[in-house]
Amino acid sequence: ATLASDVDAMLKLATKEKADKMRAAQKDPEFPKMLEMIKAFEPAQVRVLSGRSDATRAELQIDGKEADGSAMTGVVKLVMEAGGWRIENISTKSKM
């Protein structure tokens, strides 16, 4: 959703708190630039390696490639909200 600049899809995948912040940010004339910056930090390819969950929280271990082709690893934290899994946080780091 992020790489496609599909803000509506991004809002559906985010927690309510993050979606509310994004809706407010959309009113800022600088929002298109902010979105481009977010896209620049988004991995170009992602593969889920493993995960664990309970009824309300999940955590996925991922790896993939950054936009520049370098390898990356990361963690995606999800929460169950409004009947579906929503992204709470994504943290990645480049492999050296």
PDB file of N, CA and C in Angstrom:
ATOM      1  N   ALA A   1       0.820  -1.193   0.000  1.00  0.00           N
ATOM      2  CA  ALA A   1       0.000   0.000   0.000  1.00  0.00           C
ATOM      3  C   ALA A   1       0.871   1.267   0.000  1.00  0.00           C
ATOM      4  N   THR A   2       1.926   1.232   0.807  1.00  0.00           N
ATOM      5  CA  THR A   2       2.793   2.404   0.901  1.00  0.00           C
ATOM      6  C   THR A   2       3.535   2.645  -0.405  1.00  0.00           C
ATOM      7  N   LEU A   3       4.130   1.593  -0.957  1.00  0.00           N
ATOM      8  CA  LEU A   3       4.893   1.754  -2.197  1.00  0.00           C
ATOM      9  C   LEU A   3       4.015   2.210  -3.349  1.00  0.00           C
ATOM     10  N   ALA A   4       2.728   1.855  -3.302  1.00  0.00           N
ATOM     11  CA  ALA A   4       1.784   2.268  -4.336  1.00  0.00           C
ATOM     12  C   ALA A   4       1.165   3.640  -4.043  1.00  0.00           C
ATOM     13  N   SER A   5       1.550   4.253  -2.932  1.00  0.00           N
ATOM     14  CA  SER A   5       0.976   5.536  -2.491  1.00  0.00           C
ATOM     15  C   SER A   5      -0.531   5.447  -2.320  1.00  0.00           C
ATOM     16  N   ASP A   6      -1.010   4.271  -1.925  1.00  0.00           N
ATOM     17  CA  ASP A   6      -2.441   4.047  -1.722  1.00  0.00           C
ATOM     18  C   ASP A   6      -2.784   4.379  -0.270  1.00  0.00           C
ATOM     19  N   VAL A   7      -3.064   5.640  -0.017  1.00  0.00           N
ATOM     20  CA  VAL A   7      -3.300   6.112   1.341  1.00  0.00           C
ATOM     21  C   VAL A   7      -4.525   5.436   1.944  1.00  0.00           C
ATOM     22  N   ASP A   8      -5.573   5.211   1.170  1.00  0.00           N
ATOM     23  CA  ASP A   8      -6.767   4.545   1.698  1.00  0.00           C
ATOM     24  C   ASP A   8      -6.422   3.147   2.207  1.00  0.00           C
ATOM     25  N   ALA A   9      -5.622   2.405   1.465  1.00  0.00           N
ATOM     26  CA  ALA A   9      -5.210   1.067   1.898  1.00  0.00           C
ATOM     27  C   ALA A   9      -4.315   1.157   3.130  1.00  0.00           C
ATOM     28  N   MET A  10      -3.437   2.152   3.161  1.00  0.00           N
ATOM     29  CA  MET A  10      -2.582   2.346   4.331  1.00  0.00           C
ATOM     30  C   MET A  10      -3.428   2.602   5.577  1.00  0.00           C
ATOM     31  N   LEU A  11      -4.467   3.407   5.436  1.00  0.00           N
ATOM     32  CA  LEU A  11      -5.350   3.711   6.567  1.00  0.00           C
ATOM     33  C   LEU A  11      -6.053   2.453   7.069  1.00  0.00           C
ATOM     34  N   LYS A  12      -6.459   1.580   6.161  1.00  0.00           N
ATOM     35  CA  LYS A  12      -7.150   0.346   6.542  1.00  0.00           C
ATOM     36  C   LYS A  12      -6.230  -0.627   7.275  1.00  0.00           C
ATOM     37  N   LEU A  13      -4.931  -0.567   6.990  1.00  0.00           N
ATOM     38  CA  LEU A  13      -3.974  -1.483   7.598  1.00  0.00           C
ATOM     39  C   LEU A  13      -3.416  -0.978   8.929  1.00  0.00           C
ATOM     40  N   ALA A  14      -3.556   0.316   9.189  1.00  0.00           N
ATOM     41  CA  ALA A  14      -2.977   0.922  10.389  1.00  0.00           C
ATOM     42  C   ALA A  14      -3.925   0.823  11.575  1.00  0.00           C
ATOM     43  N   THR A  15      -3.345   0.931  12.772  1.00  0.00           N
ATOM     44  CA  THR A  15      -4.179   1.024  13.969  1.00  0.00           C
ATOM     45  C   THR A  15      -4.988   2.317  13.895  1.00  0.00           C
ATOM     46  N   LYS A  16      -6.050   2.382  14.677  1.00  0.00           N
ATOM     47  CA  LYS A  16      -6.894   3.582  14.671  1.00  0.00           C
ATOM     48  C   LYS A  16      -6.070   4.810  15.023  1.00  0.00           C
ATOM     49  N   GLU A  17      -5.209   4.692  16.016  1.00  0.00           N
ATOM     50  CA  GLU A  17      -4.381   5.830  16.436  1.00  0.00           C
ATOM     51  C   GLU A  17      -3.494   6.321  15.295  1.00  0.00           C
ATOM     52  N   LYS A  18      -2.826   5.404  14.608  1.00  0.00           N
ATOM     53  CA  LYS A  18      -1.953   5.796  13.498  1.00  0.00           C
ATOM     54  C   LYS A  18      -2.772   6.320  12.316  1.00  0.00           C
ATOM     55  N   ALA A  19      -3.920   5.703  12.059  1.00  0.00           N
ATOM     56  CA  ALA A  19      -4.774   6.160  10.958  1.00  0.00           C
ATOM     57  C   ALA A  19      -5.285   7.572  11.227  1.00  0.00           C
ATOM     58  N   ASP A  20      -5.662   7.855  12.471  1.00  0.00           N
ATOM     59  CA  ASP A  20      -6.130   9.206  12.819  1.00  0.00           C
ATOM     60  C   ASP A  20      -5.022  10.237  12.601  1.00  0.00           C
ATOM     61  N   LYS A  21      -3.790   9.883  12.980  1.00  0.00           N
ATOM     62  CA  LYS A  21      -2.662  10.797  12.771  1.00  0.00           C
ATOM     63  C   LYS A  21      -2.411  11.022  11.280  1.00  0.00           C
ATOM     64  N   MET A  22      -2.551   9.950  10.494  1.00  0.00           N
ATOM     65  CA  MET A  22      -2.324  10.078   9.055  1.00  0.00           C
ATOM     66  C   MET A  22      -3.410  10.942   8.412  1.00  0.00           C
ATOM     67  N   ARG A  23      -4.653  10.765   8.842  1.00  0.00           N
ATOM     68  CA  ARG A  23      -5.739  11.603   8.308  1.00  0.00           C
ATOM     69  C   ARG A  23      -5.478  13.075   8.609  1.00  0.00           C
ATOM     70  N   ALA A  24      -5.017  13.363   9.820  1.00  0.00           N
ATOM     71  CA  ALA A  24      -4.702  14.751  10.182  1.00  0.00           C
ATOM     72  C   ALA A  24      -3.538  15.272   9.335  1.00  0.00           C
ATOM     73  N   ALA A  25      -2.531  14.425   9.122  1.00  0.00           N
ATOM     74  CA  ALA A  25      -1.362  14.831   8.329  1.00  0.00           C
ATOM     75  C   ALA A  25      -1.721  15.100   6.876  1.00  0.00           C
ATOM     76  N   GLN A  26      -2.757  14.427   6.365  1.00  0.00           N
ATOM     77  CA  GLN A  26      -3.174  14.627   4.970  1.00  0.00           C
ATOM     78  C   GLN A  26      -3.582  16.068   4.699  1.00  0.00           C
ATOM     79  N   LYS A  27      -3.971  16.788   5.736  1.00  0.00           N
ATOM     80  CA  LYS A  27      -4.388  18.182   5.569  1.00  0.00           C
ATOM     81  C   LYS A  27      -3.201  19.115   5.394  1.00  0.00           C
ATOM     82  N   ASP A  28      -2.017  18.630   5.730  1.00  0.00           N
ATOM     83  CA  ASP A  28      -0.796  19.430   5.609  1.00  0.00           C
ATOM     84  C   ASP A  28      -0.385  19.486   4.141  1.00  0.00           C
ATOM     85  N   PRO A  29      -0.103  20.664   3.607  1.00  0.00           N
ATOM     86  CA  PRO A  29       0.314  20.764   2.203  1.00  0.00           C
ATOM     87  C   PRO A  29       1.602  19.981   1.912  1.00  0.00           C
ATOM     88  N   GLU A  30       2.371  19.678   2.950  1.00  0.00           N
ATOM     89  CA  GLU A  30       3.611  18.915   2.785  1.00  0.00           C
ATOM     90  C   GLU A  30       3.377  17.407   2.782  1.00  0.00           C
ATOM     91  N   PHE A  31       2.115  16.961   2.909  1.00  0.00           N
ATOM     92  CA  PHE A  31       1.831  15.525   3.001  1.00  0.00           C
ATOM     93  C   PHE A  31       2.398  14.722   1.832  1.00  0.00           C
ATOM     94  N   PRO A  32       2.270  15.172   0.585  1.00  0.00           N
ATOM     95  CA  PRO A  32       2.860  14.382  -0.511  1.00  0.00           C
ATOM     96  C   PRO A  32       4.365  14.159  -0.340  1.00  0.00           C
ATOM     97  N   LYS A  33       5.066  15.159   0.159  1.00  0.00           N
ATOM     98  CA  LYS A  33       6.502  15.005   0.407  1.00  0.00           C
ATOM     99  C   LYS A  33       6.752  14.025   1.550  1.00  0.00           C
ATOM    100  N   MET A  34       5.908  14.090   2.589  1.00  0.00           N
ATOM    101  CA  MET A  34       6.038  13.161   3.711  1.00  0.00           C
ATOM    102  C   MET A  34       5.826  11.727   3.242  1.00  0.00           C
ATOM    103  N   LEU A  35       4.830  11.535   2.375  1.00  0.00           N
ATOM    104  CA  LEU A  35       4.548  10.206   1.852  1.00  0.00           C
ATOM    105  C   LEU A  35       5.728   9.673   1.034  1.00  0.00           C
ATOM    106  N   GLU A  36       6.340  10.521   0.251  1.00  0.00           N
ATOM    107  CA  GLU A  36       7.513  10.105  -0.528  1.00  0.00           C
ATOM    108  C   GLU A  36       8.665   9.705   0.391  1.00  0.00           C
ATOM    109  N   MET A  37       8.832  10.411   1.500  1.00  0.00           N
ATOM    110  CA  MET A  37       9.884  10.068   2.450  1.00  0.00           C
ATOM    111  C   MET A  37       9.590   8.724   3.115  1.00  0.00           C
ATOM    112  N   ILE A  38       8.342   8.490   3.465  1.00  0.00           N
ATOM    113  CA  ILE A  38       7.950   7.211   4.054  1.00  0.00           C
ATOM    114  C   ILE A  38       8.233   6.086   3.063  1.00  0.00           C
ATOM    115  N   LYS A  39       7.886   6.302   1.808  1.00  0.00           N
ATOM    116  CA  LYS A  39       8.129   5.291   0.772  1.00  0.00           C
ATOM    117  C   LYS A  39       9.612   4.975   0.627  1.00  0.00           C
ATOM    118  N   ALA A  40      10.455   5.977   0.790  1.00  0.00           N
ATOM    119  CA  ALA A  40      11.900   5.781   0.632  1.00  0.00           C
ATOM    120  C   ALA A  40      12.460   4.821   1.684  1.00  0.00           C
ATOM    121  N   PHE A  41      11.808   4.721   2.822  1.00  0.00           N
ATOM    122  CA  PHE A  41      12.268   3.841   3.893  1.00  0.00           C
ATOM    123  C   PHE A  41      11.539   2.499   3.901  1.00  0.00           C
ATOM    124  N   GLU A  42      10.610   2.317   2.991  1.00  0.00           N
ATOM    125  CA  GLU A  42       9.833   1.077   2.920  1.00  0.00           C
ATOM    126  C   GLU A  42      10.627   0.009   2.165  1.00  0.00           C
ATOM    127  N   PRO A  43      10.700  -1.223   2.691  1.00  0.00           N
ATOM    128  CA  PRO A  43      11.391  -2.281   1.953  1.00  0.00           C
ATOM    129  C   PRO A  43      10.736  -2.536   0.599  1.00  0.00           C
ATOM    130  N   ALA A  44      11.564  -2.861  -0.394  1.00  0.00           N
ATOM    131  CA  ALA A  44      11.047  -3.142  -1.736  1.00  0.00           C
ATOM    132  C   ALA A  44      10.501  -4.569  -1.836  1.00  0.00           C
ATOM    133  N   GLN A  45      11.087  -5.484  -1.070  1.00  0.00           N
ATOM    134  CA  GLN A  45      10.643  -6.882  -1.043  1.00  0.00           C
ATOM    135  C   GLN A  45      10.623  -7.343   0.402  1.00  0.00           C
ATOM    136  N   VAL A  46       9.602  -8.102   0.769  1.00  0.00           N
ATOM    137  CA  VAL A  46       9.480  -8.606   2.135  1.00  0.00           C
ATOM    138  C   VAL A  46       9.042 -10.058   2.097  1.00  0.00           C
ATOM    139  N   ARG A  47       9.644 -10.842   2.984  1.00  0.00           N
ATOM    140  CA  ARG A  47       9.275 -12.251   3.149  1.00  0.00           C
ATOM    141  C   ARG A  47       9.092 -12.496   4.646  1.00  0.00           C
ATOM    142  N   VAL A  48       7.993 -13.143   5.015  1.00  0.00           N
ATOM    143  CA  VAL A  48       7.743 -13.487   6.416  1.00  0.00           C
ATOM    144  C   VAL A  48       8.508 -14.772   6.726  1.00  0.00           C
ATOM    145  N   LEU A  49       9.372 -14.705   7.740  1.00  0.00           N
ATOM    146  CA  LEU A  49      10.178 -15.856   8.138  1.00  0.00           C
ATOM    147  C   LEU A  49       9.492 -16.683   9.209  1.00  0.00           C
ATOM    148  N   SER A  50       8.890 -16.003  10.178  1.00  0.00           N
ATOM    149  CA  SER A  50       8.210 -16.693  11.268  1.00  0.00           C
ATOM    150  C   SER A  50       7.300 -15.702  11.961  1.00  0.00           C
ATOM    151  N   GLY A  51       6.519 -16.203  12.883  1.00  0.00           N
ATOM    152  CA  GLY A  51       5.630 -15.332  13.622  1.00  0.00           C
ATOM    153  C   GLY A  51       5.056 -16.021  14.828  1.00  0.00           C
ATOM    154  N   ARG A  52       4.461 -15.225  15.673  1.00  0.00           N
ATOM    155  CA  ARG A  52       3.766 -15.760  16.842  1.00  0.00           C
ATOM    156  C   ARG A  52       2.609 -14.820  17.145  1.00  0.00           C
ATOM    157  N   SER A  53       1.567 -15.374  17.746  1.00  0.00           N
ATOM    158  CA  SER A  53       0.411 -14.532  18.041  1.00  0.00           C
ATOM    159  C   SER A  53      -0.388 -15.109  19.197  1.00  0.00           C
ATOM    160  N   ASP A  54      -1.197 -14.249  19.765  1.00  0.00           N
ATOM    161  CA  ASP A  54      -2.244 -14.666  20.686  1.00  0.00           C
ATOM    162  C   ASP A  54      -3.525 -14.021  20.159  1.00  0.00           C
ATOM    163  N   ALA A  55      -4.523 -13.899  20.958  1.00  0.00           N
ATOM    164  CA  ALA A  55      -5.806 -13.392  20.470  1.00  0.00           C
ATOM    165  C   ALA A  55      -5.777 -11.911  20.086  1.00  0.00           C
ATOM    166  N   THR A  56      -4.835 -11.145  20.639  1.00  0.00           N
ATOM    167  CA  THR A  56      -4.870  -9.699  20.414  1.00  0.00           C
ATOM    168  C   THR A  56      -3.591  -9.108  19.829  1.00  0.00           C
ATOM    169  N   ARG A  57      -2.498  -9.878  19.823  1.00  0.00           N
ATOM    170  CA  ARG A  57      -1.222  -9.345  19.342  1.00  0.00           C
ATOM    171  C   ARG A  57      -0.507 -10.393  18.504  1.00  0.00           C
ATOM    172  N   ALA A  58       0.268  -9.915  17.538  1.00  0.00           N
ATOM    173  CA  ALA A  58       1.083 -10.814  16.717  1.00  0.00           C
ATOM    174  C   ALA A  58       2.399 -10.117  16.401  1.00  0.00           C
ATOM    175  N   GLU A  59       3.412 -10.926  16.154  1.00  0.00           N
ATOM    176  CA  GLU A  59       4.716 -10.400  15.788  1.00  0.00           C
ATOM    177  C   GLU A  59       5.281 -11.268  14.672  1.00  0.00           C
ATOM    178  N   LEU A  60       5.693 -10.631  13.582  1.00  0.00           N
ATOM    179  CA  LEU A  60       6.253 -11.330  12.437  1.00  0.00           C
ATOM    180  C   LEU A  60       7.725 -10.976  12.285  1.00  0.00           C
ATOM    181  N   GLN A  61       8.550 -11.978  12.069  1.00  0.00           N
ATOM    182  CA  GLN A  61       9.957 -11.769  11.737  1.00  0.00           C
ATOM    183  C   GLN A  61      10.035 -11.758  10.214  1.00  0.00           C
ATOM    184  N   ILE A  62      10.651 -10.734   9.652  1.00  0.00           N
ATOM    185  CA  ILE A  62      10.699 -10.600   8.198  1.00  0.00           C
ATOM    186  C   ILE A  62      12.132 -10.419   7.723  1.00  0.00           C
ATOM    187  N   ASP A  63      12.340 -10.674   6.451  1.00  0.00           N
ATOM    188  CA  ASP A  63      13.568 -10.252   5.788  1.00  0.00           C
ATOM    189  C   ASP A  63      13.195  -9.843   4.378  1.00  0.00           C
ATOM    190  N   GLY A  64      14.158  -9.283   3.663  1.00  0.00           N
ATOM    191  CA  GLY A  64      13.866  -8.845   2.309  1.00  0.00           C
ATOM    192  C   GLY A  64      14.959  -7.954   1.781  1.00  0.00           C
ATOM    193  N   LYS A  65      14.552  -7.063   0.883  1.00  0.00           N
ATOM    194  CA  LYS A  65      15.498  -6.148   0.251  1.00  0.00           C
ATOM    195  C   LYS A  65      14.990  -4.719   0.355  1.00  0.00           C
ATOM    196  N   GLU A  66      15.944  -3.832   0.605  1.00  0.00           N
ATOM    197  CA  GLU A  66      15.658  -2.398   0.607  1.00  0.00           C
ATOM    198  C   GLU A  66      15.527  -1.936  -0.850  1.00  0.00           C
ATOM    199  N   ALA A  67      15.074  -0.718  -1.044  1.00  0.00           N
ATOM    200  CA  ALA A  67      14.922  -0.162  -2.397  1.00  0.00           C
ATOM    201  C   ALA A  67      16.238  -0.166  -3.163  1.00  0.00           C
ATOM    202  N   ASP A  68      17.364  -0.026  -2.453  1.00  0.00           N
ATOM    203  CA  ASP A  68      18.670  -0.020  -3.116  1.00  0.00           C
ATOM    204  C   ASP A  68      19.231  -1.426  -3.343  1.00  0.00           C
ATOM    205  N   GLY A  69      18.456  -2.463  -2.984  1.00  0.00           N
ATOM    206  CA  GLY A  69      18.881  -3.840  -3.190  1.00  0.00           C
ATOM    207  C   GLY A  69      19.600  -4.473  -2.024  1.00  0.00           C
ATOM    208  N   SER A  70      19.934  -3.690  -0.991  1.00  0.00           N
ATOM    209  CA  SER A  70      20.617  -4.266   0.167  1.00  0.00           C
ATOM    210  C   SER A  70      19.642  -5.110   0.992  1.00  0.00           C
ATOM    211  N   ALA A  71      20.195  -6.122   1.644  1.00  0.00           N
ATOM    212  CA  ALA A  71      19.389  -7.029   2.459  1.00  0.00           C
ATOM    213  C   ALA A  71      18.943  -6.335   3.738  1.00  0.00           C
ATOM    214  N   MET A  72      17.762  -6.726   4.240  1.00  0.00           N
ATOM    215  CA  MET A  72      17.242  -6.173   5.482  1.00  0.00           C
ATOM    216  C   MET A  72      16.545  -7.257   6.278  1.00  0.00           C
ATOM    217  N   THR A  73      16.420  -7.021   7.577  1.00  0.00           N
ATOM    218  CA  THR A  73      15.618  -7.861   8.466  1.00  0.00           C
ATOM    219  C   THR A  73      14.706  -6.935   9.247  1.00  0.00           C
ATOM    220  N   GLY A  74      13.695  -7.515   9.886  1.00  0.00           N
ATOM    221  CA  GLY A  74      12.825  -6.656  10.657  1.00  0.00           C
ATOM    222  C   GLY A  74      11.766  -7.407  11.429  1.00  0.00           C
ATOM    223  N   VAL A  75      10.969  -6.619  12.128  1.00  0.00           N
ATOM    224  CA  VAL A  75       9.873  -7.117  12.952  1.00  0.00           C
ATOM    225  C   VAL A  75       8.637  -6.272  12.649  1.00  0.00           C
ATOM    226  N   VAL A  76       7.519  -6.945  12.429  1.00  0.00           N
ATOM    227  CA  VAL A  76       6.235  -6.270  12.242  1.00  0.00           C
ATOM    228  C   VAL A  76       5.368  -6.632  13.436  1.00  0.00           C
ATOM    229  N   LYS A  77       4.892  -5.620  14.161  1.00  0.00           N
ATOM    230  CA  LYS A  77       4.012  -5.843  15.308  1.00  0.00           C
ATOM    231  C   LYS A  77       2.590  -5.495  14.887  1.00  0.00           C
ATOM    232  N   LEU A  78       1.685  -6.426  15.142  1.00  0.00           N
ATOM    233  CA  LEU A  78       0.284  -6.270  14.775  1.00  0.00           C
ATOM    234  C   LEU A  78      -0.590  -6.341  16.028  1.00  0.00           C
ATOM    235  N   VAL A  79      -1.734  -5.685  15.979  1.00  0.00           N
ATOM    236  CA  VAL A  79      -2.725  -5.783  17.045  1.00  0.00           C
ATOM    237  C   VAL A  79      -4.082  -6.075  16.407  1.00  0.00           C
ATOM    238  N   MET A  80      -4.896  -6.844  17.117  1.00  0.00           N
ATOM    239  CA  MET A  80      -6.263  -7.105  16.662  1.00  0.00           C
ATOM    240  C   MET A  80      -7.103  -5.895  17.059  1.00  0.00           C
ATOM    241  N   GLU A  81      -7.713  -5.271  16.053  1.00  0.00           N
ATOM    242  CA  GLU A  81      -8.488  -4.058  16.288  1.00  0.00           C
ATOM    243  C   GLU A  81      -9.618  -4.012  15.272  1.00  0.00           C
ATOM    244  N   ALA A  82     -10.820  -3.737  15.729  1.00  0.00           N
ATOM    245  CA  ALA A  82     -11.996  -3.623  14.854  1.00  0.00           C
ATOM    246  C   ALA A  82     -12.174  -4.870  13.993  1.00  0.00           C
ATOM    247  N   GLY A  83     -11.911  -6.036  14.579  1.00  0.00           N
ATOM    248  CA  GLY A  83     -12.147  -7.297  13.883  1.00  0.00           C
ATOM    249  C   GLY A  83     -11.081  -7.723  12.893  1.00  0.00           C
ATOM    250  N   GLY A  84      -9.940  -7.031  12.863  1.00  0.00           N
ATOM    251  CA  GLY A  84      -8.883  -7.413  11.927  1.00  0.00           C
ATOM    252  C   GLY A  84      -7.509  -7.042  12.463  1.00  0.00           C
ATOM    253  N   TRP A  85      -6.483  -7.610  11.847  1.00  0.00           N
ATOM    254  CA  TRP A  85      -5.116  -7.300  12.236  1.00  0.00           C
ATOM    255  C   TRP A  85      -4.707  -5.955  11.647  1.00  0.00           C
ATOM    256  N   ARG A  86      -4.148  -5.099  12.505  1.00  0.00           N
ATOM    257  CA  ARG A  86      -3.701  -3.772  12.098  1.00  0.00           C
ATOM    258  C   ARG A  86      -2.221  -3.625  12.449  1.00  0.00           C
ATOM    259  N   ILE A  87      -1.492  -2.912  11.621  1.00  0.00           N
ATOM    260  CA  ILE A  87      -0.067  -2.704  11.844  1.00  0.00           C
ATOM    261  C   ILE A  87       0.127  -1.669  12.946  1.00  0.00           C
ATOM    262  N   GLU A  88       0.816  -2.097  13.986  1.00  0.00           N
ATOM    263  CA  GLU A  88       1.143  -1.198  15.087  1.00  0.00           C
ATOM    264  C   GLU A  88       2.522  -0.572  14.870  1.00  0.00           C
ATOM    265  N   ASN A  89       3.472  -1.388  14.412  1.00  0.00           N
ATOM    266  CA  ASN A  89       4.830  -0.889  14.234  1.00  0.00           C
ATOM    267  C   ASN A  89       5.602  -1.807  13.290  1.00  0.00           C
ATOM    268  N   ILE A  90       6.467  -1.211  12.499  1.00  0.00           N
ATOM    269  CA  ILE A  90       7.386  -1.960  11.659  1.00  0.00           C
ATOM    270  C   ILE A  90       8.779  -1.408  11.933  1.00  0.00           C
ATOM    271  N   SER A  91       9.705  -2.298  12.282  1.00  0.00           N
ATOM    272  CA  SER A  91      11.084  -1.852  12.463  1.00  0.00           C
ATOM    273  C   SER A  91      11.975  -2.746  11.601  1.00  0.00           C
ATOM    274  N   THR A  92      12.853  -2.121  10.854  1.00  0.00           N
ATOM    275  CA  THR A  92      13.755  -2.854   9.977  1.00  0.00           C
ATOM    276  C   THR A  92      15.177  -2.342  10.169  1.00  0.00           C
ATOM    277  N   LYS A  93      16.115  -3.174   9.786  1.00  0.00           N
ATOM    278  CA  LYS A  93      17.511  -2.744   9.762  1.00  0.00           C
ATOM    279  C   LYS A  93      18.208  -3.432   8.606  1.00  0.00           C
ATOM    280  N   SER A  94      19.130  -2.708   8.015  1.00  0.00           N
ATOM    281  CA  SER A  94      19.892  -3.242   6.905  1.00  0.00           C
ATOM    282  C   SER A  94      20.906  -4.246   7.417  1.00  0.00           C
ATOM    283  N   LYS A  95      21.078  -5.319   6.663  1.00  0.00           N
ATOM    284  CA  LYS A  95      22.118  -6.296   6.978  1.00  0.00           C
ATOM    285  C   LYS A  95      23.423  -5.794   6.392  1.00  0.00           C
ATOM    286  N   MET A  96      24.469  -5.941   7.123  1.00  0.00           N
ATOM    287  CA  MET A  96      25.791  -5.522   6.617  1.00  0.00           C
ATOM    288  C   MET A  96      26.533  -6.732   6.097  1.00  0.00           C
TER     289      MET A  96
END
